[in-house]
Amino acid sequence: MLQGFNPANKDIQVYIDGELLHRDEAKISVFDSSVQGGDAVWEGLRVYDGRVFSLNAHLDRLFDSAHALWFQGVPPRETVVEAIRQTLEANDMHDDVHIRLTLTRGRKITSGMDPRLNQAGCTLIVLAEHKPPVYPESITLATSSVRRNSPMSVDSKIHHNNLINNIMAKIEANQAGADAGLMLDKDGFVSEANGVNVFLIRRGKVRTPWADYCLPGITRATVIRLCNAHGIPCEEARLSPSEFYVADEVFTTGTMGELTRVRAIDGREIVNKYGGSVLEQVQEMFRELTRSAGTRLV
């Protein structure tokens, strides 16, 4: 699962606060809040045939996250959309593209935690890369000792850049020889994997953890909506690791990798005991949606 360098991205242009810069020249200030304290929010978007999938849902979450963190000087939605369009156009990007959209609290007048030191408005970064879905056909998970943070800490519904506990879970997964870390909540119920949401399928019913200790992902919401629209039973629930062990199918969802089958968790193979694949049905419904939905920008 380790990503490699794509030569197609050698000379990409990156948007930073109204300028398009070669990737080697694309830099932000050492006084920027993202450098000083990981103080930023972000979104991952995917482009299909010139259409940005679920653009409005991603922008809603970006602006909600910025508001929850009391960002000031947030650029208008129209500015962000235009920045995305300019970046895609400058790089002649139309398909198999992933966008990392970042909004930081901005540049400080001097080092320090106090947001009142941020007097220049937010910093907007649009990093678009030629990047097909990065996950292989199937992956493995290893349960992490690192707990997913609750609303008592930094609410996971805020899509912030401070991802250190997810990174620590990924390190544990690397050491265990797994592709991703399965993160639990404080009570030992499954929350999500370190970078994606998780679903199980048992006897034809699709289930996913409540979004109390995990990011309520855009792809996650799309899967729930597709299941409901096509008569596939689907519910949110409190789910333990053992329920995932004995599921007929397990999969992850996320913009970077779309829908990916999980073949084993903590060394337990996921065995479909009832035949047929609900996951394949959902994957095809999702692929069909991406062939037509989205906001055309290029």
Protein backbone atom coordinates (compact mmCIF):
# COMPACT_ATOMS: atom_id res chain seq x y z
CA MET A 1 0.00 0.00 0.00
CA LEU A 2 2.99 2.34 0.16
CA GLN A 3 2.49 5.01 -2.48
CA GLY A 4 5.27 5.76 -4.90
CA PHE A 5 6.21 8.92 -6.78
CA ASN A 6 4.18 9.42 -9.95
CA PRO A 7 6.35 11.06 -12.66
CA ALA A 8 3.18 12.70 -14.02
CA ASN A 9 3.28 14.93 -10.93
CA LYS A 10 6.85 16.12 -11.49
CA ASP A 11 5.87 19.61 -12.66
CA ILE A 12 2.45 20.16 -11.13
CA GLN A 13 1.29 23.65 -10.20
CA VAL A 14 0.07 24.20 -6.63
CA TYR A 15 -2.35 26.96 -5.65
CA ILE A 16 -1.42 29.02 -2.58
CA ASP A 17 -3.39 32.17 -1.77
CA GLY A 18 -4.11 33.24 -5.32
CA GLU A 19 -0.83 32.09 -6.90
CA LEU A 20 -0.08 28.99 -8.92
CA LEU A 21 3.46 27.81 -8.17
CA HIS A 22 5.60 24.91 -9.36
CA ARG A 23 5.63 22.21 -6.70
CA ASP A 24 9.28 22.98 -5.92
CA GLU A 25 8.41 26.63 -5.24
CA ALA A 26 5.12 26.02 -3.41
CA LYS A 27 5.86 27.01 0.18
CA ILE A 28 4.13 28.61 3.15
CA SER A 29 5.51 30.76 5.96
CA VAL A 30 7.16 29.26 9.04
CA PHE A 31 4.72 31.50 10.91
CA ASP A 32 1.71 29.76 9.36
CA SER A 33 -0.55 28.07 11.91
CA SER A 34 -0.34 24.71 10.14
CA VAL A 35 3.42 24.73 10.82
CA GLN A 36 3.16 26.17 14.32
CA GLY A 37 0.45 23.86 15.66
CA GLY A 38 -1.16 21.72 12.98
CA ASP A 39 -3.90 24.35 13.10
CA ALA A 40 -5.73 23.78 9.82
CA VAL A 41 -8.65 21.95 8.26
CA TRP A 42 -8.65 19.96 5.06
CA GLU A 43 -10.61 17.90 2.55
CA GLY A 44 -9.71 15.18 0.10
CA LEU A 45 -11.60 15.34 -3.20
CA ARG A 46 -11.57 13.16 -6.28
CA VAL A 47 -12.09 14.15 -9.91
CA TYR A 48 -13.90 11.92 -12.40
CA ASP A 49 -13.97 13.03 -16.05
CA GLY A 50 -13.69 16.71 -15.13
CA ARG A 51 -16.27 16.48 -12.34
CA VAL A 52 -15.40 16.95 -8.66
CA PHE A 53 -17.34 14.30 -6.76
CA SER A 54 -19.45 15.52 -3.80
CA LEU A 55 -17.88 18.97 -4.03
CA ASN A 56 -20.60 20.76 -2.08
CA ALA A 57 -20.58 18.18 0.72
CA HIS A 58 -16.81 18.53 1.06
CA LEU A 59 -16.96 22.33 1.08
CA ASP A 60 -19.77 22.27 3.64
CA ARG A 61 -17.56 20.20 5.92
CA LEU A 62 -14.53 22.41 5.29
CA PHE A 63 -16.41 25.56 6.26
CA ASP A 64 -18.14 23.86 9.21
CA SER A 65 -14.74 22.71 10.51
CA ALA A 66 -13.27 26.19 10.09
CA HIS A 67 -16.22 27.74 11.93
CA ALA A 68 -16.00 25.21 14.78
CA LEU A 69 -12.32 26.14 15.21
CA TRP A 70 -13.12 29.88 15.12
CA PHE A 71 -11.15 30.65 11.96
CA GLN A 72 -11.29 34.30 10.91
CA GLY A 73 -10.89 35.69 7.41
CA VAL A 74 -12.21 32.54 5.75
CA PRO A 75 -12.37 32.96 1.95
CA PRO A 76 -15.79 32.82 0.28
CA ARG A 77 -16.96 29.53 -1.19
CA GLU A 78 -16.73 31.01 -4.69
CA THR A 79 -13.03 31.75 -4.14
CA VAL A 80 -12.33 28.17 -3.09
CA VAL A 81 -14.22 26.71 -6.06
CA GLU A 82 -12.39 29.03 -8.45
CA ALA A 83 -9.04 28.05 -6.88
CA ILE A 84 -9.83 24.38 -7.49
CA ARG A 85 -10.87 25.10 -11.08
CA GLN A 86 -7.72 27.13 -11.79
CA THR A 87 -5.51 24.40 -10.34
CA LEU A 88 -7.10 21.64 -12.41
CA GLU A 89 -6.97 23.76 -15.55
CA ALA A 90 -3.33 24.76 -15.03
CA ASN A 91 -2.35 21.10 -14.65
CA ASP A 92 -4.61 19.85 -17.48
CA MET A 93 -6.22 17.43 -15.02
CA HIS A 94 -9.51 15.73 -15.84
CA ASP A 95 -9.58 12.20 -14.44
CA ASP A 96 -7.85 9.96 -11.88
CA VAL A 97 -7.06 13.09 -9.86
CA HIS A 98 -6.97 13.54 -6.09
CA ILE A 99 -7.11 17.00 -4.53
CA ARG A 100 -5.81 17.86 -1.08
CA LEU A 101 -7.64 21.07 -0.14
CA THR A 102 -6.22 22.77 2.96
CA LEU A 103 -7.35 25.86 4.83
CA THR A 104 -5.08 27.00 7.66
CA ARG A 105 -5.79 29.61 10.32
CA GLY A 106 -3.17 31.65 8.50
CA ARG A 107 0.08 33.41 9.22
CA LYS A 108 0.89 34.70 12.72
CA ILE A 109 2.63 37.96 13.52
CA THR A 110 4.88 36.05 15.95
CA SER A 111 5.11 32.51 17.32
CA GLY A 112 2.44 31.54 19.81
CA MET A 113 -0.80 29.65 20.34
CA ASP A 114 -3.16 32.61 20.66
CA PRO A 115 -5.41 32.88 17.57
CA ARG A 116 -5.38 36.65 18.03
CA LEU A 117 -1.85 36.50 16.62
CA ASN A 118 -3.40 35.48 13.30
CA GLN A 119 -4.10 38.82 11.65
CA ALA A 120 -3.64 38.07 7.95
CA GLY A 121 -6.62 35.80 7.32
CA CYS A 122 -6.58 32.15 6.31
CA THR A 123 -4.13 30.41 4.00
CA LEU A 124 -5.76 28.43 1.15
CA ILE A 125 -3.83 25.58 -0.49
CA VAL A 126 -5.00 23.44 -3.41
CA LEU A 127 -2.73 20.47 -4.13
CA ALA A 128 -4.00 18.37 -7.03
CA GLU A 129 -2.14 15.22 -8.11
CA HIS A 130 -2.52 12.59 -10.77
CA LYS A 131 -3.53 9.79 -8.40
CA PRO A 132 -5.89 6.90 -9.11
CA PRO A 133 -7.41 5.14 -6.06
CA VAL A 134 -4.37 4.12 -4.02
CA TYR A 135 -5.65 0.99 -2.27
CA PRO A 136 -5.13 -2.48 -3.75
CA GLU A 137 -8.03 -4.88 -4.38
CA SER A 138 -8.02 -5.95 -0.73
CA ILE A 139 -6.21 -4.95 2.46
CA THR A 140 -5.50 -6.17 5.99
CA LEU A 141 -6.14 -4.40 9.29
CA ALA A 142 -4.48 -4.66 12.70
CA THR A 143 -6.18 -3.33 15.82
CA SER A 144 -4.26 -0.40 17.26
CA SER A 145 -3.60 0.38 20.91
CA VAL A 146 -4.10 4.06 20.04
CA ARG A 147 -7.69 5.10 20.77
CA ARG A 148 -9.59 7.38 18.41
CA ASN A 149 -10.13 10.71 20.10
CA SER A 150 -13.59 11.54 21.43
CA PRO A 151 -15.46 14.86 21.58
CA MET A 152 -13.81 15.24 25.01
CA SER A 153 -10.59 15.90 23.12
CA VAL A 154 -10.74 17.21 19.55
CA ASP A 155 -14.11 16.27 18.08
CA SER A 156 -13.58 13.93 15.14
CA LYS A 157 -16.40 15.71 13.30
CA ILE A 158 -13.95 18.59 12.86
CA HIS A 159 -11.82 17.59 9.88
CA HIS A 160 -8.62 19.06 11.29
CA ASN A 161 -4.98 18.56 10.31
CA ASN A 162 -3.85 17.34 13.72
CA LEU A 163 -3.69 13.66 12.77
CA ILE A 164 -0.99 12.46 15.12
CA ASN A 165 -3.03 9.73 16.81
CA ASN A 166 -4.07 8.37 13.40
CA ILE A 167 -0.43 8.46 12.33
CA MET A 168 0.57 6.54 15.46
CA ALA A 169 -2.06 3.91 14.63
CA LYS A 170 -0.62 3.65 11.11
CA ILE A 171 2.88 3.17 12.56
CA GLU A 172 1.58 0.27 14.67
CA ALA A 173 -0.06 -1.23 11.58
CA ASN A 174 3.22 -0.95 9.66
CA GLN A 175 5.05 -2.73 12.47
CA ALA A 176 2.39 -5.47 12.49
CA GLY A 177 2.68 -5.96 8.74
CA ALA A 178 -0.88 -4.75 8.11
CA ASP A 179 -2.10 -2.15 5.65
CA ALA A 180 -3.99 0.02 8.14
CA GLY A 181 -4.71 0.32 11.84
CA LEU A 182 -8.19 -0.42 13.19
CA MET A 183 -8.92 2.17 15.87
CA LEU A 184 -11.29 1.66 18.81
CA ASP A 185 -13.12 4.11 21.03
CA LYS A 186 -12.53 4.45 24.78
CA ASP A 187 -14.88 1.53 25.48
CA GLY A 188 -13.26 -0.85 23.02
CA PHE A 189 -15.81 -0.58 20.22
CA VAL A 190 -14.64 -0.09 16.64
CA SER A 191 -14.42 3.50 15.47
CA GLU A 192 -12.65 3.55 12.09
CA ALA A 193 -9.35 2.68 10.48
CA ASN A 194 -6.55 5.23 10.71
CA GLY A 195 -7.47 6.88 7.41
CA VAL A 196 -10.81 5.42 6.34
CA ASN A 197 -14.23 4.47 7.65
CA VAL A 198 -15.10 0.79 8.08
CA PHE A 199 -18.18 -1.30 7.29
CA LEU A 200 -19.12 -4.93 7.86
CA ILE A 201 -21.71 -7.08 6.08
CA ARG A 202 -23.38 -9.92 7.98
CA ARG A 203 -26.22 -12.01 6.54
CA GLY A 204 -27.02 -9.38 3.95
CA LYS A 205 -27.07 -6.40 6.34
CA VAL A 206 -24.53 -3.58 5.99
CA ARG A 207 -23.40 -2.04 9.30
CA THR A 208 -20.96 0.71 10.25
CA PRO A 209 -19.94 2.30 13.58
CA TRP A 210 -21.76 5.37 14.80
CA ALA A 211 -19.83 8.54 13.95
CA ASP A 212 -19.27 9.40 17.61
CA TYR A 213 -15.53 8.69 17.63
CA CYS A 214 -14.85 8.83 13.92
CA LEU A 215 -15.08 11.20 11.01
CA PRO A 216 -18.51 10.93 9.32
CA GLY A 217 -16.92 10.51 5.91
CA ILE A 218 -18.44 11.72 2.65
CA THR A 219 -17.91 8.32 0.99
CA ARG A 220 -19.36 6.67 4.11
CA ALA A 221 -22.50 8.79 3.78
CA THR A 222 -22.70 7.98 0.07
CA VAL A 223 -22.61 4.23 0.78
CA ILE A 224 -25.36 4.52 3.39
CA ARG A 225 -27.48 6.53 0.95
CA LEU A 226 -26.91 4.04 -1.89
CA CYS A 227 -27.86 1.09 0.30
CA ASN A 228 -31.06 2.79 1.44
CA ALA A 229 -31.97 3.74 -2.13
CA HIS A 230 -31.47 0.17 -3.43
CA GLY A 231 -33.17 -1.76 -0.64
CA ILE A 232 -30.02 -3.07 1.01
CA PRO A 233 -30.45 -3.09 4.83
CA CYS A 234 -27.97 -0.68 6.36
CA GLU A 235 -27.56 0.64 9.88
CA GLU A 236 -25.18 2.45 12.21
CA ALA A 237 -24.40 0.55 15.40
CA ARG A 238 -21.94 0.03 18.21
CA LEU A 239 -19.75 -2.75 16.88
CA SER A 240 -17.03 -4.73 18.62
CA PRO A 241 -13.90 -6.12 16.94
CA SER A 242 -15.26 -9.67 17.23
CA GLU A 243 -18.29 -8.68 15.14
CA PHE A 244 -15.88 -7.65 12.40
CA TYR A 245 -13.92 -10.91 12.76
CA VAL A 246 -17.01 -13.02 12.02
CA ALA A 247 -18.53 -10.81 9.33
CA ASP A 248 -19.17 -12.18 5.86
CA GLU A 249 -17.53 -9.15 4.28
CA VAL A 250 -15.66 -6.10 5.58
CA PHE A 251 -14.71 -3.00 3.62
CA THR A 252 -13.35 0.50 4.04
CA THR A 253 -14.51 3.75 2.49
CA GLY A 254 -12.68 6.98 1.70
CA THR A 255 -11.95 9.42 -1.08
CA MET A 256 -8.36 8.26 -1.48
CA GLY A 257 -9.21 4.57 -1.99
CA GLU A 258 -12.98 4.51 -2.64
CA LEU A 259 -14.47 1.14 -1.46
CA THR A 260 -11.86 -1.49 -0.57
CA ARG A 261 -12.37 -5.06 0.62
CA VAL A 262 -10.71 -6.13 3.89
CA ARG A 263 -9.49 -9.71 3.69
CA ALA A 264 -8.20 -10.12 7.25
CA ILE A 265 -8.23 -8.38 10.64
CA ASP A 266 -5.68 -9.28 13.33
CA GLY A 267 -4.84 -12.42 11.39
CA ARG A 268 -8.47 -13.55 11.17
CA GLU A 269 -9.52 -14.15 7.57
CA ILE A 270 -12.88 -12.64 6.66
CA VAL A 271 -14.88 -15.61 5.38
CA ASN A 272 -18.13 -15.21 3.45
CA LYS A 273 -20.24 -18.09 4.73
CA TYR A 274 -23.41 -17.27 2.82
CA GLY A 275 -22.26 -16.84 -0.77
CA GLY A 276 -22.84 -13.89 -3.06
CA SER A 277 -21.27 -10.52 -2.48
CA VAL A 278 -23.19 -7.52 -1.20
CA LEU A 279 -19.95 -5.56 -1.33
CA GLU A 280 -19.62 -6.09 -5.08
CA GLN A 281 -23.15 -4.78 -5.53
CA VAL A 282 -22.36 -1.65 -3.51
CA GLN A 283 -19.05 -1.14 -5.33
CA GLU A 284 -20.82 -1.24 -8.69
CA MET A 285 -23.48 1.21 -7.49
CA PHE A 286 -20.72 3.55 -6.35
CA ARG A 287 -18.83 3.25 -9.65
CA GLU A 288 -22.04 3.99 -11.54
CA LEU A 289 -22.60 7.11 -9.43
CA THR A 290 -19.08 8.41 -10.10
CA ARG A 291 -19.67 8.02 -13.84
CA SER A 292 -22.38 10.67 -13.79
CA ALA A 293 -22.42 12.69 -10.54
CA GLY A 294 -20.29 15.63 -9.48
CA THR A 295 -19.64 19.30 -10.23
CA ARG A 296 -17.99 19.91 -13.58
CA LEU A 297 -15.07 22.33 -13.26
CA VAL A 298 -12.90 21.40 -16.27
